[in-house]
Every structure is written in structure tokens, then in C-alpha cells.
Protein backbone atom coordinates (compact mmCIF):
# COMPACT_ATOMS: atom_id res chain seq x y z
CA MET A 1 0.00 -0.22 0.20
CA LYS A 2 3.05 2.45 0.73
CA ALA A 3 4.60 1.96 -2.67
CA SER A 4 1.40 2.52 -4.63
CA ARG A 5 0.75 5.63 -2.37
CA GLN A 6 4.26 7.12 -3.31
CA LEU A 7 3.92 6.05 -6.80
CA GLU A 8 0.49 8.10 -6.56
CA ARG A 9 2.55 11.21 -5.18
CA VAL A 10 5.31 11.13 -7.71
CA GLN A 11 2.38 10.94 -10.35
CA ILE A 12 0.81 14.33 -8.90
CA ASP A 13 4.09 16.05 -9.30
CA ALA A 14 5.00 14.59 -12.64
CA LYS A 15 1.20 15.61 -13.89
CA THR A 16 1.84 18.92 -12.67
CA LEU A 17 5.06 19.19 -14.81
CA ASN A 18 3.81 17.82 -17.74
CA LEU A 19 1.04 20.20 -17.94
CA LEU A 20 3.48 22.69 -17.84
CA LYS A 21 5.57 21.09 -20.45
CA THR A 22 2.44 20.56 -22.53
CA LEU A 23 1.42 24.24 -22.35
CA GLU A 24 4.90 24.95 -23.31
CA VAL A 25 5.17 27.50 -20.23
CA THR A 26 8.45 29.16 -20.19
CA ASP A 27 8.26 31.33 -17.37
CA THR A 28 7.55 28.85 -14.49
CA GLN A 29 7.53 31.39 -11.84
CA GLU A 30 3.70 32.49 -12.27
CA PHE A 31 2.57 28.95 -11.86
CA ILE A 32 4.06 28.62 -8.37
CA PRO A 33 0.85 28.62 -6.45
CA VAL A 34 -0.14 25.73 -8.44
CA GLN A 35 2.99 23.53 -7.55
CA LEU A 36 2.18 24.45 -3.87
CA VAL A 37 -1.52 23.12 -4.17
CA ALA A 38 -0.24 20.10 -5.83
CA ASP A 39 2.87 19.32 -3.07
CA PHE A 40 0.04 20.13 -0.56
CA ALA A 41 -2.23 17.66 -2.48
CA THR A 42 0.49 15.21 -2.65
CA LEU A 43 1.20 15.21 1.43
CA VAL A 44 -2.43 14.90 2.24
CA GLY A 45 -2.61 12.18 -0.26
CA THR A 46 0.35 10.41 0.94
CA TYR A 47 -0.41 9.85 4.53
CA ALA A 48 -3.51 8.53 5.76
CA LYS A 49 -2.74 9.40 9.20
CA GLY A 50 -0.56 11.54 11.35
CA PHE A 51 -1.56 14.66 9.86
CA ALA A 52 -4.60 17.48 10.35
CA VAL A 53 -5.77 19.72 7.79
CA ILE A 54 -6.43 22.98 9.80
CA ILE A 55 -8.60 25.54 7.83
CA GLU A 56 -9.08 28.94 9.45
CA PRO A 57 -11.37 31.28 7.05
CA PHE A 58 -10.26 34.25 8.52
CA ASP A 59 -7.79 35.98 11.41
CA SER A 60 -9.61 35.95 14.58
CA ARG A 61 -8.06 39.66 15.42
CA LEU A 62 -9.67 40.98 11.83
CA PRO A 63 -13.14 38.56 11.89
CA ASN A 64 -14.78 40.93 9.08
CA ILE A 65 -12.03 40.38 6.61
CA PRO A 66 -11.84 37.17 5.00
CA ASP A 67 -8.47 35.80 5.13
CA PRO A 68 -8.65 32.18 4.56
CA VAL A 69 -5.24 30.03 5.53
CA ILE A 70 -4.92 26.44 5.33
CA GLN A 71 -1.94 24.72 7.02
CA LEU A 72 -0.95 20.76 7.04
CA SER A 73 -0.03 19.79 10.69
CA CYS A 74 2.04 16.81 11.24
CA LEU A 75 0.92 14.93 14.56
CA ASP A 76 3.12 12.18 14.34
CA ALA A 77 6.93 13.37 14.78
CA SER A 78 8.05 9.80 13.43
CA LEU A 79 6.84 10.88 10.07
CA ALA A 80 8.98 13.70 9.81
CA MET A 81 11.69 12.27 11.15
CA ARG A 82 11.47 9.02 9.55
CA PRO A 83 13.66 10.43 6.35
CA ILE A 84 16.63 11.58 9.03
CA PHE A 85 16.45 8.19 10.80
CA SER A 86 17.02 6.39 7.48
CA LYS A 87 19.99 8.66 6.31
CA PHE A 88 22.04 8.65 9.89
CA GLN A 89 22.56 5.90 12.53
CA SER A 90 22.75 8.48 15.09
CA VAL A 91 20.85 11.99 15.74
CA VAL A 92 22.19 13.90 18.70
């Protein structure tokens, strides 16, 4: 199951890249927001557990001004540390 989820993650990134190539986009700076959304969707789709999506529709200090924020919060530190422990035998 993990391998298929990682493959899906790679496919999401590849689809974004293929779309930009197909459209013959040379100035990719304009599409950074699209890449950020694709990266966010990749993370949400890769891990079924251990993360929470936090949606804030407005800043509590200014409730009349819509300023939505979406955050991905890691609730399981072992997920964040796994790549480090796989590279290094000891971590101080």
C-alpha cells in the first residue's frame, strides 16, 4: 500500500510538470501557486494518518476581513523524523 501511495505522489508532481511542458510554459514563476497546491495535495494523499488539515477562514483579530489559511499539521513526529533516521545511524 505504501508503494502505491508513493507512486501516486510522484504522479501528482509529474502531472503538474507535464501540464506545464504541454502548455509550453517558459516562465514557471507564475505557476508557483499551482505547484504549492499540487505539493499540498501530494502530502495529504501520501499519508492517511498522522496529519491534520487546519482551515482558518479568517484571522481572529480581524473577523470581518476574509483571509483564509490552510495548514497541514504533522501530529506524528516519527513521520517527520523518518527520512533523517533512514540516512543517519545516530542523531543528536
